[in-house]
């Protein structure tokens, strides 16, 4: 089976299984990287090569949720599309009860955004920080999604195939307009390569890591860290938790309440009952 035919069959099987557009794109991107690493079509991979890929992924600066996405792509390919479940029988999904989200302070975010050598990526990650979008949601934004009149961005390719609105600040709108005049992305995309394709997620992540290193940030910065920082900042500025849930696109409020555990300023601002006691 040829390289392209494997991915074509996988794409068809994923669609048949009712997987969301974003999930299908993530699986295909993951398996393209797998094929590039082993230098051949995925259907020709041995279990040892799959093990090598899994071990490589475990050394990368990615969280359990994204790692699970890579594993799920492998499992779907070998179990469903190729009918070789024994190849991925050793894979165990990472635990999702990860530690509390790591966030950046506004000062750290400012330093990172000022450290990109390619302006397009600086604007791209400014948008993620300003709106709390997931990286895949931001990659597939189109110019028509920017509603300057109402001050919102229409997110049409949200996780799970849903849609939502997020705010469009005047500052972000000004940055996007300047970027558009300078870069002229290929319609209808808001961010595109010179060939007219959506930006590569891995290239964008590498650009963020480089900017973080230049900015002197002493931790591995990921796009999701900017999303966490966005949510925590809103909470510390007294934004209602339900509003944050809608902006982040969380189906359950339980996913959003984790930010109440990382908002140090809100904890410090709580008045202790001891303060109300009079002393004699």
C-alpha atoms as a PDB file:
ATOM      1  CA  UNK A   1       0.000   0.000   0.000  1.00  0.00           C
ATOM      2  CA  UNK A   2       1.479   3.349  -1.010  1.00  0.00           C
ATOM      3  CA  UNK A   3       2.162   6.203   1.367  1.00  0.00           C
ATOM      4  CA  UNK A   4      -0.703   8.363   0.081  1.00  0.00           C
ATOM      5  CA  UNK A   5      -3.144   5.432  -0.127  1.00  0.00           C
ATOM      6  CA  UNK A   6      -2.655   4.557   3.549  1.00  0.00           C
ATOM      7  CA  UNK A   7      -3.531   8.079   4.653  1.00  0.00           C
ATOM      8  CA  UNK A   8      -6.429   8.257   2.191  1.00  0.00           C
ATOM      9  CA  UNK A   9      -7.899   5.062   3.626  1.00  0.00           C
ATOM     10  CA  UNK A  10      -7.302   6.325   7.152  1.00  0.00           C
ATOM     11  CA  UNK A  11      -9.047   9.628   6.371  1.00  0.00           C
ATOM     12  CA  UNK A  12     -12.014   7.717   4.942  1.00  0.00           C
ATOM     13  CA  UNK A  13     -12.210   5.399   7.958  1.00  0.00           C
ATOM     14  CA  UNK A  14     -12.042   8.310  10.396  1.00  0.00           C
ATOM     15  CA  UNK A  15     -14.857  10.094   8.583  1.00  0.00           C
ATOM     16  CA  UNK A  16     -16.912   6.888   8.535  1.00  0.00           C
ATOM     17  CA  UNK A  17     -16.357   6.579  12.287  1.00  0.00           C
ATOM     18  CA  UNK A  18     -17.789  10.064  12.780  1.00  0.00           C
ATOM     19  CA  UNK A  19     -14.617  11.627  14.123  1.00  0.00           C
ATOM     20  CA  UNK A  20     -14.598  15.436  14.181  1.00  0.00           C
ATOM     21  CA  UNK A  21     -12.708  17.373  11.517  1.00  0.00           C
ATOM     22  CA  UNK A  22     -10.100  18.575  14.006  1.00  0.00           C
ATOM     23  CA  UNK A  23      -9.494  15.026  15.249  1.00  0.00           C
ATOM     24  CA  UNK A  24      -9.099  13.712  11.702  1.00  0.00           C
ATOM     25  CA  UNK A  25      -6.582  16.424  10.884  1.00  0.00           C
ATOM     26  CA  UNK A  26      -4.585  15.792  14.073  1.00  0.00           C
ATOM     27  CA  UNK A  27      -4.431  12.035  13.445  1.00  0.00           C
ATOM     28  CA  UNK A  28      -3.301  12.513   9.849  1.00  0.00           C
ATOM     29  CA  UNK A  29      -0.656  15.065  10.856  1.00  0.00           C
ATOM     30  CA  UNK A  30       0.648  12.735  13.560  1.00  0.00           C
ATOM     31  CA  UNK A  31       0.923   9.781  11.197  1.00  0.00           C
ATOM     32  CA  UNK A  32       2.623  11.851   8.507  1.00  0.00           C
ATOM     33  CA  UNK A  33       5.304  12.648  11.092  1.00  0.00           C
ATOM     34  CA  UNK A  34       5.506   8.932  11.966  1.00  0.00           C
ATOM     35  CA  UNK A  35       6.042   8.010   8.315  1.00  0.00           C
ATOM     36  CA  UNK A  36       8.676  10.724   7.914  1.00  0.00           C
ATOM     37  CA  UNK A  37      10.548   9.360  10.926  1.00  0.00           C
ATOM     38  CA  UNK A  38      10.574   5.729   9.767  1.00  0.00           C
ATOM     39  CA  UNK A  39      11.108   6.671   6.117  1.00  0.00           C
ATOM     40  CA  UNK A  40       8.361   4.481   4.674  1.00  0.00           C
ATOM     41  CA  UNK A  41       4.631   3.897   4.519  1.00  0.00           C
ATOM     42  CA  UNK A  42       2.978   3.240   7.890  1.00  0.00           C
ATOM     43  CA  UNK A  43       1.530  -0.097   6.767  1.00  0.00           C
ATOM     44  CA  UNK A  44       5.103  -1.383   6.398  1.00  0.00           C
ATOM     45  CA  UNK A  45       6.086  -0.426   9.953  1.00  0.00           C
ATOM     46  CA  UNK A  46       7.223  -3.086  12.378  1.00  0.00           C
ATOM     47  CA  UNK A  47       6.241  -3.113  16.028  1.00  0.00           C
ATOM     48  CA  UNK A  48       9.789  -2.108  16.935  1.00  0.00           C
ATOM     49  CA  UNK A  49       9.483   0.984  14.751  1.00  0.00           C
ATOM     50  CA  UNK A  50       6.164   1.833  16.384  1.00  0.00           C
ATOM     51  CA  UNK A  51       7.804   1.373  19.804  1.00  0.00           C
ATOM     52  CA  UNK A  52      10.629   3.660  18.721  1.00  0.00           C
ATOM     53  CA  UNK A  53       8.130   6.341  17.719  1.00  0.00           C
ATOM     54  CA  UNK A  54       6.272   6.048  21.030  1.00  0.00           C
ATOM     55  CA  UNK A  55       9.537   6.326  22.964  1.00  0.00           C
ATOM     56  CA  UNK A  56      10.492   9.383  20.900  1.00  0.00           C
ATOM     57  CA  UNK A  57       7.144  11.044  21.649  1.00  0.00           C
ATOM     58  CA  UNK A  58       7.696  10.499  25.362  1.00  0.00           C
ATOM     59  CA  UNK A  59      10.858  12.610  25.193  1.00  0.00           C
ATOM     60  CA  UNK A  60       9.054  15.562  23.616  1.00  0.00           C
ATOM     61  CA  UNK A  61       7.678  18.591  25.517  1.00  0.00           C
ATOM     62  CA  UNK A  62       4.030  17.614  25.118  1.00  0.00           C
ATOM     63  CA  UNK A  63       1.307  17.065  27.672  1.00  0.00           C
ATOM     64  CA  UNK A  64      -0.735  13.903  28.305  1.00  0.00           C
ATOM     65  CA  UNK A  65      -3.693  15.070  26.226  1.00  0.00           C
ATOM     66  CA  UNK A  66      -1.625  15.607  23.080  1.00  0.00           C
ATOM     67  CA  UNK A  67       0.367  12.440  23.735  1.00  0.00           C
ATOM     68  CA  UNK A  68      -2.914  10.560  23.917  1.00  0.00           C
ATOM     69  CA  UNK A  69      -3.847  12.008  20.523  1.00  0.00           C
ATOM     70  CA  UNK A  70      -0.647  10.586  18.977  1.00  0.00           C
ATOM     71  CA  UNK A  71      -1.305   7.185  20.583  1.00  0.00           C
ATOM     72  CA  UNK A  72      -4.935   7.181  19.478  1.00  0.00           C
ATOM     73  CA  UNK A  73      -3.864   7.910  15.891  1.00  0.00           C
ATOM     74  CA  UNK A  74      -1.568   4.868  15.936  1.00  0.00           C
ATOM     75  CA  UNK A  75      -4.217   2.658  17.499  1.00  0.00           C
ATOM     76  CA  UNK A  76      -6.908   3.687  15.027  1.00  0.00           C
ATOM     77  CA  UNK A  77      -4.591   3.132  12.069  1.00  0.00           C
ATOM     78  CA  UNK A  78      -3.380  -0.315  13.076  1.00  0.00           C
ATOM     79  CA  UNK A  79      -6.600  -1.611  14.663  1.00  0.00           C
ATOM     80  CA  UNK A  80      -9.182  -0.213  12.242  1.00  0.00           C
ATOM     81  CA  UNK A  81      -7.557   0.700   8.932  1.00  0.00           C
ATOM     82  CA  UNK A  82      -4.806  -1.923   8.723  1.00  0.00           C
ATOM     83  CA  UNK A  83      -6.339  -4.688  10.840  1.00  0.00           C
ATOM     84  CA  UNK A  84      -3.098  -5.315  12.748  1.00  0.00           C
ATOM     85  CA  UNK A  85      -4.050  -4.693  16.403  1.00  0.00           C
ATOM     86  CA  UNK A  86      -1.111  -6.734  17.704  1.00  0.00           C
ATOM     87  CA  UNK A  87       1.316  -4.009  16.546  1.00  0.00           C
ATOM     88  CA  UNK A  88      -0.088  -1.467  19.042  1.00  0.00           C
ATOM     89  CA  UNK A  89      -1.126  -3.903  21.779  1.00  0.00           C
ATOM     90  CA  UNK A  90       1.667  -2.604  24.033  1.00  0.00           C
ATOM     91  CA  UNK A  91       0.418   0.999  24.046  1.00  0.00           C
ATOM     92  CA  UNK A  92      -1.126   2.281  27.281  1.00  0.00           C
ATOM     93  CA  UNK A  93      -2.855   5.625  27.222  1.00  0.00           C
ATOM     94  CA  UNK A  94      -1.297   8.318  29.469  1.00  0.00           C
ATOM     95  CA  UNK A  95      -3.179   9.326  32.583  1.00  0.00           C
ATOM     96  CA  UNK A  96      -5.271  12.439  32.090  1.00  0.00           C
ATOM     97  CA  UNK A  97      -5.211  13.495  35.732  1.00  0.00           C
ATOM     98  CA  UNK A  98      -2.179  15.648  34.994  1.00  0.00           C
ATOM     99  CA  UNK A  99      -0.743  18.244  37.392  1.00  0.00           C
ATOM    100  CA  UNK A 100      -2.289  21.690  37.548  1.00  0.00           C
ATOM    101  CA  UNK A 101      -1.770  23.748  34.387  1.00  0.00           C
ATOM    102  CA  UNK A 102       1.473  25.701  34.179  1.00  0.00           C
ATOM    103  CA  UNK A 103       0.847  29.329  33.262  1.00  0.00           C
ATOM    104  CA  UNK A 104       2.817  32.398  32.274  1.00  0.00           C
ATOM    105  CA  UNK A 105       2.527  35.790  33.914  1.00  0.00           C
ATOM    106  CA  UNK A 106       1.385  38.682  31.679  1.00  0.00           C
ATOM    107  CA  UNK A 107       4.964  40.002  31.793  1.00  0.00           C
ATOM    108  CA  UNK A 108       6.323  36.662  30.568  1.00  0.00           C
ATOM    109  CA  UNK A 109       3.751  36.506  27.769  1.00  0.00           C
ATOM    110  CA  UNK A 110       4.707  40.016  26.688  1.00  0.00           C
ATOM    111  CA  UNK A 111       8.391  39.016  26.499  1.00  0.00           C
ATOM    112  CA  UNK A 112       7.613  35.890  24.486  1.00  0.00           C
ATOM    113  CA  UNK A 113       5.383  37.707  21.987  1.00  0.00           C
ATOM    114  CA  UNK A 114       8.087  40.328  21.461  1.00  0.00           C
ATOM    115  CA  UNK A 115      10.741  37.667  20.747  1.00  0.00           C
ATOM    116  CA  UNK A 116       9.488  36.084  17.507  1.00  0.00           C
ATOM    117  CA  UNK A 117      11.820  36.521  14.536  1.00  0.00           C
ATOM    118  CA  UNK A 118       8.939  35.934  12.100  1.00  0.00           C
ATOM    119  CA  UNK A 119       6.179  38.476  12.726  1.00  0.00           C
ATOM    120  CA  UNK A 120       3.419  36.161  11.477  1.00  0.00           C
ATOM    121  CA  UNK A 121       3.987  33.730  14.333  1.00  0.00           C
ATOM    122  CA  UNK A 122       4.022  36.545  16.858  1.00  0.00           C
ATOM    123  CA  UNK A 123       0.562  37.656  15.678  1.00  0.00           C
ATOM    124  CA  UNK A 124      -0.649  34.052  15.565  1.00  0.00           C
ATOM    125  CA  UNK A 125       0.256  33.429  19.204  1.00  0.00           C
ATOM    126  CA  UNK A 126      -1.001  36.872  20.219  1.00  0.00           C
ATOM    127  CA  UNK A 127      -4.366  35.740  18.893  1.00  0.00           C
ATOM    128  CA  UNK A 128      -4.211  32.495  20.879  1.00  0.00           C
ATOM    129  CA  UNK A 129      -3.382  34.373  24.085  1.00  0.00           C
ATOM    130  CA  UNK A 130      -6.027  37.032  23.398  1.00  0.00           C
ATOM    131  CA  UNK A 131      -8.824  34.533  22.721  1.00  0.00           C
ATOM    132  CA  UNK A 132      -7.891  31.257  24.423  1.00  0.00           C
ATOM    133  CA  UNK A 133      -8.207  29.288  21.188  1.00  0.00           C
ATOM    134  CA  UNK A 134      -6.704  25.845  20.778  1.00  0.00           C
ATOM    135  CA  UNK A 135      -3.902  25.799  18.214  1.00  0.00           C
ATOM    136  CA  UNK A 136      -5.929  23.756  15.703  1.00  0.00           C
ATOM    137  CA  UNK A 137      -8.823  26.200  15.999  1.00  0.00           C
ATOM    138  CA  UNK A 138      -6.522  29.142  15.302  1.00  0.00           C
ATOM    139  CA  UNK A 139      -4.830  27.417  12.353  1.00  0.00           C
ATOM    140  CA  UNK A 140      -8.131  27.076  10.495  1.00  0.00           C
ATOM    141  CA  UNK A 141      -9.534  30.556  11.047  1.00  0.00           C
ATOM    142  CA  UNK A 142     -10.676  32.338   7.886  1.00  0.00           C
ATOM    143  CA  UNK A 143     -10.880  36.059   7.234  1.00  0.00           C
ATOM    144  CA  UNK A 144     -14.685  35.821   7.200  1.00  0.00           C
ATOM    145  CA  UNK A 145     -14.553  34.609  10.824  1.00  0.00           C
ATOM    146  CA  UNK A 146     -13.346  38.027  11.980  1.00  0.00           C
ATOM    147  CA  UNK A 147     -16.443  40.090  12.788  1.00  0.00           C
ATOM    148  CA  UNK A 148     -15.025  43.540  13.465  1.00  0.00           C
ATOM    149  CA  UNK A 149     -18.470  45.150  13.642  1.00  0.00           C
ATOM    150  CA  UNK A 150     -19.648  42.993  16.541  1.00  0.00           C
ATOM    151  CA  UNK A 151     -16.197  42.547  18.085  1.00  0.00           C
ATOM    152  CA  UNK A 152     -16.165  38.733  17.952  1.00  0.00           C
ATOM    153  CA  UNK A 153     -14.382  35.863  16.192  1.00  0.00           C
ATOM    154  CA  UNK A 154     -16.451  32.965  14.901  1.00  0.00           C
ATOM    155  CA  UNK A 155     -14.680  29.677  15.682  1.00  0.00           C
ATOM    156  CA  UNK A 156     -16.085  27.261  13.090  1.00  0.00           C
ATOM    157  CA  UNK A 157     -13.667  24.352  13.561  1.00  0.00           C
ATOM    158  CA  UNK A 158     -13.833  23.873  17.320  1.00  0.00           C
ATOM    159  CA  UNK A 159     -13.057  20.627  19.112  1.00  0.00           C
ATOM    160  CA  UNK A 160     -15.742  17.996  18.652  1.00  0.00           C
ATOM    161  CA  UNK A 161     -17.103  19.679  15.526  1.00  0.00           C
ATOM    162  CA  UNK A 162     -18.853  22.412  17.496  1.00  0.00           C
ATOM    163  CA  UNK A 163     -18.768  26.181  16.930  1.00  0.00           C
ATOM    164  CA  UNK A 164     -18.541  29.151  19.273  1.00  0.00           C
ATOM    165  CA  UNK A 165     -17.820  32.870  19.490  1.00  0.00           C
ATOM    166  CA  UNK A 166     -14.870  34.480  21.276  1.00  0.00           C
ATOM    167  CA  UNK A 167     -14.110  38.122  21.869  1.00  0.00           C
ATOM    168  CA  UNK A 168     -12.136  40.276  19.433  1.00  0.00           C
ATOM    169  CA  UNK A 169     -10.359  43.061  21.282  1.00  0.00           C
ATOM    170  CA  UNK A 170      -9.593  46.356  19.560  1.00  0.00           C
ATOM    171  CA  UNK A 171      -5.869  45.777  20.093  1.00  0.00           C
ATOM    172  CA  UNK A 172      -5.968  42.328  18.494  1.00  0.00           C
ATOM    173  CA  UNK A 173      -8.034  43.644  15.585  1.00  0.00           C
ATOM    174  CA  UNK A 174      -5.447  46.361  14.979  1.00  0.00           C
ATOM    175  CA  UNK A 175      -2.642  43.777  15.034  1.00  0.00           C
ATOM    176  CA  UNK A 176      -4.525  41.520  12.596  1.00  0.00           C
ATOM    177  CA  UNK A 177      -5.155  44.385  10.189  1.00  0.00           C
ATOM    178  CA  UNK A 178      -1.485  45.382  10.188  1.00  0.00           C
ATOM    179  CA  UNK A 179      -0.460  41.756   9.708  1.00  0.00           C
ATOM    180  CA  UNK A 180      -2.911  41.317   6.809  1.00  0.00           C
ATOM    181  CA  UNK A 181      -1.553  44.389   5.011  1.00  0.00           C
ATOM    182  CA  UNK A 182       2.013  43.161   5.453  1.00  0.00           C
ATOM    183  CA  UNK A 183       1.658  39.415   4.899  1.00  0.00           C
ATOM    184  CA  UNK A 184      -1.419  39.034   2.638  1.00  0.00           C
ATOM    185  CA  UNK A 185      -2.349  35.432   3.540  1.00  0.00           C
ATOM    186  CA  UNK A 186      -3.918  33.271   0.847  1.00  0.00           C
ATOM    187  CA  UNK A 187      -7.749  33.494   0.967  1.00  0.00           C
ATOM    188  CA  UNK A 188      -9.799  32.320   2.695  1.00  0.00           C
ATOM    189  CA  UNK A 189      -7.274  31.518   5.454  1.00  0.00           C
ATOM    190  CA  UNK A 190      -6.297  34.093   8.054  1.00  0.00           C
ATOM    191  CA  UNK A 191      -2.889  32.434   8.500  1.00  0.00           C
ATOM    192  CA  UNK A 192      -1.330  30.558   5.601  1.00  0.00           C
ATOM    193  CA  UNK A 193       1.947  29.378   4.154  1.00  0.00           C
ATOM    194  CA  UNK A 194       3.262  30.842   0.906  1.00  0.00           C
ATOM    195  CA  UNK A 195       1.718  27.857  -0.894  1.00  0.00           C
ATOM    196  CA  UNK A 196      -1.706  28.715   0.484  1.00  0.00           C
ATOM    197  CA  UNK A 197      -1.932  25.907   3.050  1.00  0.00           C
ATOM    198  CA  UNK A 198      -2.737  26.350   6.748  1.00  0.00           C
ATOM    199  CA  UNK A 199       0.328  26.936   8.906  1.00  0.00           C
ATOM    200  CA  UNK A 200       2.007  23.753  10.118  1.00  0.00           C
ATOM    201  CA  UNK A 201       1.219  23.183  13.794  1.00  0.00           C
ATOM    202  CA  UNK A 202       4.637  21.683  14.509  1.00  0.00           C
ATOM    203  CA  UNK A 203       6.437  24.595  12.842  1.00  0.00           C
ATOM    204  CA  UNK A 204       4.374  27.016  14.902  1.00  0.00           C
ATOM    205  CA  UNK A 205       5.198  25.148  18.107  1.00  0.00           C
ATOM    206  CA  UNK A 206       8.908  25.250  17.284  1.00  0.00           C
ATOM    207  CA  UNK A 207       8.677  28.994  16.633  1.00  0.00           C
ATOM    208  CA  UNK A 208       7.062  29.416  20.062  1.00  0.00           C
ATOM    209  CA  UNK A 209       9.815  27.385  21.745  1.00  0.00           C
ATOM    210  CA  UNK A 210      12.500  29.484  20.037  1.00  0.00           C
ATOM    211  CA  UNK A 211      10.815  32.754  21.043  1.00  0.00           C
ATOM    212  CA  UNK A 212      10.495  31.497  24.629  1.00  0.00           C
ATOM    213  CA  UNK A 213      14.209  30.678  24.729  1.00  0.00           C
ATOM    214  CA  UNK A 214      15.102  34.125  23.373  1.00  0.00           C
ATOM    215  CA  UNK A 215      12.809  35.701  25.980  1.00  0.00           C
ATOM    216  CA  UNK A 216      14.628  33.818  28.741  1.00  0.00           C
ATOM    217  CA  UNK A 217      11.559  31.924  29.967  1.00  0.00           C
ATOM    218  CA  UNK A 218      12.736  29.142  32.244  1.00  0.00           C
ATOM    219  CA  UNK A 219      10.107  26.620  31.198  1.00  0.00           C
ATOM    220  CA  UNK A 220       8.927  24.877  28.052  1.00  0.00           C
ATOM    221  CA  UNK A 221       6.191  27.071  26.607  1.00  0.00           C
ATOM    222  CA  UNK A 222       3.402  25.434  24.606  1.00  0.00           C
ATOM    223  CA  UNK A 223       0.347  26.860  22.807  1.00  0.00           C
ATOM    224  CA  UNK A 224      -1.878  25.288  25.455  1.00  0.00           C
ATOM    225  CA  UNK A 225       0.084  27.119  28.140  1.00  0.00           C
ATOM    226  CA  UNK A 226      -1.022  30.380  26.523  1.00  0.00           C
ATOM    227  CA  UNK A 227      -4.616  29.118  26.616  1.00  0.00           C
ATOM    228  CA  UNK A 228      -4.225  28.300  30.325  1.00  0.00           C
ATOM    229  CA  UNK A 229      -2.726  31.745  30.925  1.00  0.00           C
ATOM    230  CA  UNK A 230      -5.669  33.366  29.123  1.00  0.00           C
ATOM    231  CA  UNK A 231      -8.206  31.536  31.300  1.00  0.00           C
ATOM    232  CA  UNK A 232      -6.367  32.252  34.542  1.00  0.00           C
ATOM    233  CA  UNK A 233      -6.034  35.936  33.677  1.00  0.00           C
ATOM    234  CA  UNK A 234      -9.789  36.177  33.036  1.00  0.00           C
ATOM    235  CA  UNK A 235     -10.551  34.498  36.340  1.00  0.00           C
ATOM    236  CA  UNK A 236      -8.231  36.828  38.245  1.00  0.00           C
ATOM    237  CA  UNK A 237     -10.028  39.760  36.634  1.00  0.00           C
ATOM    238  CA  UNK A 238     -13.338  38.535  38.093  1.00  0.00           C
ATOM    239  CA  UNK A 239     -14.756  37.047  34.861  1.00  0.00           C
ATOM    240  CA  UNK A 240     -17.598  34.647  35.644  1.00  0.00           C
ATOM    241  CA  UNK A 241     -16.561  30.979  35.446  1.00  0.00           C
ATOM    242  CA  UNK A 242     -19.501  30.183  33.168  1.00  0.00           C
ATOM    243  CA  UNK A 243     -18.327  32.853  30.685  1.00  0.00           C
ATOM    244  CA  UNK A 244     -14.814  31.385  30.728  1.00  0.00           C
ATOM    245  CA  UNK A 245     -16.305  27.952  30.048  1.00  0.00           C
ATOM    246  CA  UNK A 246     -18.090  29.256  26.940  1.00  0.00           C
ATOM    247  CA  UNK A 247     -15.012  31.112  25.673  1.00  0.00           C
ATOM    248  CA  UNK A 248     -12.816  28.035  26.072  1.00  0.00           C
ATOM    249  CA  UNK A 249     -15.374  25.743  24.463  1.00  0.00           C
ATOM    250  CA  UNK A 250     -15.534  23.383  27.446  1.00  0.00           C
ATOM    251  CA  UNK A 251     -18.570  21.097  27.370  1.00  0.00           C
ATOM    252  CA  UNK A 252     -18.487  20.683  31.133  1.00  0.00           C
ATOM    253  CA  UNK A 253     -17.899  23.323  33.779  1.00  0.00           C
ATOM    254  CA  UNK A 254     -15.711  20.731  35.560  1.00  0.00           C
ATOM    255  CA  UNK A 255     -13.024  21.275  32.921  1.00  0.00           C
ATOM    256  CA  UNK A 256     -13.042  24.998  33.667  1.00  0.00           C
ATOM    257  CA  UNK A 257     -12.964  24.799  37.461  1.00  0.00           C
ATOM    258  CA  UNK A 258      -9.329  23.670  37.351  1.00  0.00           C
ATOM    259  CA  UNK A 259      -8.406  27.343  36.879  1.00  0.00           C
ATOM    260  CA  UNK A 260      -9.824  28.161  40.300  1.00  0.00           C
ATOM    261  CA  UNK A 261      -6.955  26.053  41.663  1.00  0.00           C
ATOM    262  CA  UNK A 262      -4.208  27.993  39.880  1.00  0.00           C
ATOM    263  CA  UNK A 263      -5.476  31.537  40.442  1.00  0.00           C
ATOM    264  CA  UNK A 264      -3.181  32.503  43.316  1.00  0.00           C
ATOM    265  CA  UNK A 265      -4.338  36.108  43.453  1.00  0.00           C
ATOM    266  CA  UNK A 266      -7.950  35.049  44.061  1.00  0.00           C
ATOM    267  CA  UNK A 267      -6.875  32.752  46.870  1.00  0.00           C
ATOM    268  CA  UNK A 268      -4.772  35.493  48.453  1.00  0.00           C
ATOM    269  CA  UNK A 269      -7.656  37.984  48.179  1.00  0.00           C
ATOM    270  CA  UNK A 270     -10.088  35.845  50.193  1.00  0.00           C
ATOM    271  CA  UNK A 271     -10.799  37.413  53.578  1.00  0.00           C
ATOM    272  CA  UNK A 272      -9.946  35.078  56.428  1.00  0.00           C
ATOM    273  CA  UNK A 273     -12.582  34.797  59.198  1.00  0.00           C
ATOM    274  CA  UNK A 274      -9.808  35.588  61.653  1.00  0.00           C
ATOM    275  CA  UNK A 275      -9.754  39.151  60.310  1.00  0.00           C
ATOM    276  CA  UNK A 276     -13.279  39.735  61.606  1.00  0.00           C
ATOM    277  CA  UNK A 277     -12.454  38.759  65.159  1.00  0.00           C
ATOM    278  CA  UNK A 278     -11.901  41.512  67.675  1.00  0.00           C
ATOM    279  CA  UNK A 279      -9.070  41.316  70.133  1.00  0.00           C
ATOM    280  CA  UNK A 280      -9.256  42.268  73.804  1.00  0.00           C
END
